[in-house]
């Protein structure tokens, strides 16, 4: 009986560790979802974002996360760097981080009109 009990202890430890890892993976997956949501909002904006740091809060499956977006300075026609980090509201540990480049093209004057005909087509 004692041998059986000694063999069961490592099994319980492995099971406990597996449950702990599953909870950690779930938390990281939710943080990644928050990061992707915020990156999508930032990329979908048709304007150059203000340079600096912006923060916000989002809830996923009842858990609160804090996101921080760091944006580089840019103007229309330039690339802008976006970095988003997400952490649980009760911790300082960053669980998810995304980085991307955003480009807002310059609108070309007269692009609504038809292009000029090629030279030499005049009669």
C-alpha atoms as a PDB file:
ATOM      1  CA  UNK A   1       0.000   0.000   0.000  1.00  0.00           C
ATOM      2  CA  UNK A   2       2.870   2.359   0.836  1.00  0.00           C
ATOM      3  CA  UNK A   3       4.472   1.727  -2.552  1.00  0.00           C
ATOM      4  CA  UNK A   4       1.218   2.606  -4.281  1.00  0.00           C
ATOM      5  CA  UNK A   5       0.969   5.828  -2.281  1.00  0.00           C
ATOM      6  CA  UNK A   6       4.557   6.746  -3.190  1.00  0.00           C
ATOM      7  CA  UNK A   7       3.791   6.207  -6.876  1.00  0.00           C
ATOM      8  CA  UNK A   8       0.636   8.336  -6.648  1.00  0.00           C
ATOM      9  CA  UNK A   9       2.448  11.419  -5.311  1.00  0.00           C
ATOM     10  CA  UNK A  10       4.368  12.158  -8.547  1.00  0.00           C
ATOM     11  CA  UNK A  11       1.187  11.547 -10.530  1.00  0.00           C
ATOM     12  CA  UNK A  12      -0.679  14.162  -8.467  1.00  0.00           C
ATOM     13  CA  UNK A  13       2.238  16.583  -8.903  1.00  0.00           C
ATOM     14  CA  UNK A  14       2.212  16.128 -12.679  1.00  0.00           C
ATOM     15  CA  UNK A  15      -1.546  16.651 -12.828  1.00  0.00           C
ATOM     16  CA  UNK A  16      -1.313  19.801 -10.703  1.00  0.00           C
ATOM     17  CA  UNK A  17       1.476  21.188 -12.904  1.00  0.00           C
ATOM     18  CA  UNK A  18      -0.517  20.421 -16.074  1.00  0.00           C
ATOM     19  CA  UNK A  19      -3.538  22.316 -14.696  1.00  0.00           C
ATOM     20  CA  UNK A  20      -1.328  25.275 -13.762  1.00  0.00           C
ATOM     21  CA  UNK A  21       0.168  25.336 -17.282  1.00  0.00           C
ATOM     22  CA  UNK A  22      -3.290  25.194 -18.880  1.00  0.00           C
ATOM     23  CA  UNK A  23      -4.436  28.208 -16.848  1.00  0.00           C
ATOM     24  CA  UNK A  24      -1.300  30.133 -17.824  1.00  0.00           C
ATOM     25  CA  UNK A  25      -1.813  29.313 -21.510  1.00  0.00           C
ATOM     26  CA  UNK A  26      -5.430  30.430 -21.328  1.00  0.00           C
ATOM     27  CA  UNK A  27      -4.403  33.752 -19.782  1.00  0.00           C
ATOM     28  CA  UNK A  28      -1.773  34.302 -22.493  1.00  0.00           C
ATOM     29  CA  UNK A  29      -4.281  33.444 -25.231  1.00  0.00           C
ATOM     30  CA  UNK A  30      -6.777  35.967 -23.862  1.00  0.00           C
ATOM     31  CA  UNK A  31      -4.045  38.621 -23.616  1.00  0.00           C
ATOM     32  CA  UNK A  32      -3.056  37.906 -27.227  1.00  0.00           C
ATOM     33  CA  UNK A  33      -6.690  38.377 -28.268  1.00  0.00           C
ATOM     34  CA  UNK A  34      -6.760  41.769 -26.529  1.00  0.00           C
ATOM     35  CA  UNK A  35      -3.522  42.769 -28.299  1.00  0.00           C
ATOM     36  CA  UNK A  36      -4.887  41.704 -31.690  1.00  0.00           C
ATOM     37  CA  UNK A  37      -8.153  43.576 -31.095  1.00  0.00           C
ATOM     38  CA  UNK A  38      -6.358  46.802 -30.239  1.00  0.00           C
ATOM     39  CA  UNK A  39      -3.923  46.431 -33.145  1.00  0.00           C
ATOM     40  CA  UNK A  40      -6.866  45.933 -35.493  1.00  0.00           C
ATOM     41  CA  UNK A  41      -8.546  49.092 -34.205  1.00  0.00           C
ATOM     42  CA  UNK A  42      -5.329  51.073 -34.631  1.00  0.00           C
ATOM     43  CA  UNK A  43      -4.657  49.751 -38.130  1.00  0.00           C
ATOM     44  CA  UNK A  44      -8.247  50.278 -39.286  1.00  0.00           C
ATOM     45  CA  UNK A  45      -8.094  53.980 -38.455  1.00  0.00           C
ATOM     46  CA  UNK A  46      -7.603  55.968 -41.641  1.00  0.00           C
ATOM     47  CA  UNK A  47      -5.597  58.610 -39.823  1.00  0.00           C
ATOM     48  CA  UNK A  48      -2.082  58.929 -38.495  1.00  0.00           C
ATOM     49  CA  UNK A  49      -2.259  58.132 -34.777  1.00  0.00           C
ATOM     50  CA  UNK A  50      -0.952  60.588 -32.209  1.00  0.00           C
ATOM     51  CA  UNK A  51       2.624  59.799 -31.219  1.00  0.00           C
ATOM     52  CA  UNK A  52       3.161  58.652 -27.661  1.00  0.00           C
ATOM     53  CA  UNK A  53       1.624  56.175 -25.256  1.00  0.00           C
ATOM     54  CA  UNK A  54      -2.069  55.326 -24.994  1.00  0.00           C
ATOM     55  CA  UNK A  55      -3.599  52.876 -22.528  1.00  0.00           C
ATOM     56  CA  UNK A  56      -6.937  51.194 -22.198  1.00  0.00           C
ATOM     57  CA  UNK A  57      -8.744  48.318 -20.593  1.00  0.00           C
ATOM     58  CA  UNK A  58     -10.557  45.349 -22.088  1.00  0.00           C
ATOM     59  CA  UNK A  59     -12.340  42.368 -20.557  1.00  0.00           C
ATOM     60  CA  UNK A  60     -12.110  38.874 -22.026  1.00  0.00           C
ATOM     61  CA  UNK A  61     -14.058  35.998 -20.437  1.00  0.00           C
ATOM     62  CA  UNK A  62     -14.492  38.027 -17.270  1.00  0.00           C
ATOM     63  CA  UNK A  63     -10.789  38.802 -16.904  1.00  0.00           C
ATOM     64  CA  UNK A  64      -9.574  42.394 -17.084  1.00  0.00           C
ATOM     65  CA  UNK A  65      -6.511  43.292 -19.139  1.00  0.00           C
ATOM     66  CA  UNK A  66      -4.655  46.574 -19.541  1.00  0.00           C
ATOM     67  CA  UNK A  67      -3.223  47.350 -22.980  1.00  0.00           C
ATOM     68  CA  UNK A  68      -0.544  49.931 -23.734  1.00  0.00           C
ATOM     69  CA  UNK A  69      -0.010  51.214 -27.283  1.00  0.00           C
ATOM     70  CA  UNK A  70       3.247  53.021 -28.075  1.00  0.00           C
ATOM     71  CA  UNK A  71       3.143  54.951 -31.343  1.00  0.00           C
ATOM     72  CA  UNK A  72       6.029  56.599 -33.164  1.00  0.00           C
ATOM     73  CA  UNK A  73       5.816  60.046 -34.731  1.00  0.00           C
ATOM     74  CA  UNK A  74       4.828  60.072 -38.387  1.00  0.00           C
ATOM     75  CA  UNK A  75       3.056  62.107 -41.013  1.00  0.00           C
ATOM     76  CA  UNK A  76       0.881  61.130 -43.932  1.00  0.00           C
ATOM     77  CA  UNK A  77       3.034  59.280 -46.421  1.00  0.00           C
ATOM     78  CA  UNK A  78       5.384  57.876 -43.765  1.00  0.00           C
ATOM     79  CA  UNK A  79       5.535  54.629 -41.827  1.00  0.00           C
ATOM     80  CA  UNK A  80       4.403  54.666 -38.233  1.00  0.00           C
ATOM     81  CA  UNK A  81       5.536  52.037 -35.701  1.00  0.00           C
ATOM     82  CA  UNK A  82       2.894  50.617 -33.367  1.00  0.00           C
ATOM     83  CA  UNK A  83       3.703  48.450 -30.351  1.00  0.00           C
ATOM     84  CA  UNK A  84       0.988  46.978 -28.159  1.00  0.00           C
ATOM     85  CA  UNK A  85       1.649  45.268 -24.829  1.00  0.00           C
ATOM     86  CA  UNK A  86      -1.023  43.570 -22.719  1.00  0.00           C
ATOM     87  CA  UNK A  87      -0.908  42.611 -19.060  1.00  0.00           C
ATOM     88  CA  UNK A  88      -3.493  41.435 -16.532  1.00  0.00           C
ATOM     89  CA  UNK A  89      -4.960  44.291 -14.497  1.00  0.00           C
ATOM     90  CA  UNK A  90      -3.562  42.818 -11.268  1.00  0.00           C
ATOM     91  CA  UNK A  91      -0.002  42.287 -12.535  1.00  0.00           C
ATOM     92  CA  UNK A  92       2.866  44.113 -14.232  1.00  0.00           C
ATOM     93  CA  UNK A  93       3.896  41.056 -16.268  1.00  0.00           C
ATOM     94  CA  UNK A  94       3.407  41.554 -20.011  1.00  0.00           C
ATOM     95  CA  UNK A  95       1.628  38.483 -21.402  1.00  0.00           C
ATOM     96  CA  UNK A  96       1.317  39.537 -25.043  1.00  0.00           C
ATOM     97  CA  UNK A  97       3.182  41.967 -27.275  1.00  0.00           C
ATOM     98  CA  UNK A  98       2.603  42.885 -30.924  1.00  0.00           C
ATOM     99  CA  UNK A  99       4.481  45.251 -33.207  1.00  0.00           C
ATOM    100  CA  UNK A 100       3.452  46.513 -36.620  1.00  0.00           C
ATOM    101  CA  UNK A 101       3.980  49.275 -39.152  1.00  0.00           C
ATOM    102  CA  UNK A 102       1.171  51.502 -40.357  1.00  0.00           C
ATOM    103  CA  UNK A 103       1.196  53.510 -43.565  1.00  0.00           C
ATOM    104  CA  UNK A 104      -1.262  56.229 -44.530  1.00  0.00           C
ATOM    105  CA  UNK A 105      -0.742  57.109 -48.198  1.00  0.00           C
ATOM    106  CA  UNK A 106      -0.863  60.682 -49.411  1.00  0.00           C
ATOM    107  CA  UNK A 107      -3.888  61.486 -51.518  1.00  0.00           C
ATOM    108  CA  UNK A 108      -2.806  62.530 -54.961  1.00  0.00           C
ATOM    109  CA  UNK A 109      -4.280  65.775 -56.208  1.00  0.00           C
ATOM    110  CA  UNK A 110      -6.452  65.256 -59.255  1.00  0.00           C
ATOM    111  CA  UNK A 111      -6.628  61.500 -58.765  1.00  0.00           C
ATOM    112  CA  UNK A 112     -10.392  61.618 -59.265  1.00  0.00           C
ATOM    113  CA  UNK A 113     -10.057  62.888 -62.842  1.00  0.00           C
ATOM    114  CA  UNK A 114      -9.005  60.766 -65.774  1.00  0.00           C
ATOM    115  CA  UNK A 115      -5.286  60.602 -66.500  1.00  0.00           C
ATOM    116  CA  UNK A 116      -3.791  62.797 -69.228  1.00  0.00           C
ATOM    117  CA  UNK A 117      -3.562  61.074 -72.607  1.00  0.00           C
ATOM    118  CA  UNK A 118      -0.067  59.975 -73.635  1.00  0.00           C
ATOM    119  CA  UNK A 119       1.934  62.452 -75.728  1.00  0.00           C
ATOM    120  CA  UNK A 120       1.665  61.976 -79.448  1.00  0.00           C
ATOM    121  CA  UNK A 121      -2.013  60.920 -79.478  1.00  0.00           C
ATOM    122  CA  UNK A 122      -3.158  64.414 -80.472  1.00  0.00           C
ATOM    123  CA  UNK A 123      -4.371  64.822 -84.038  1.00  0.00           C
END
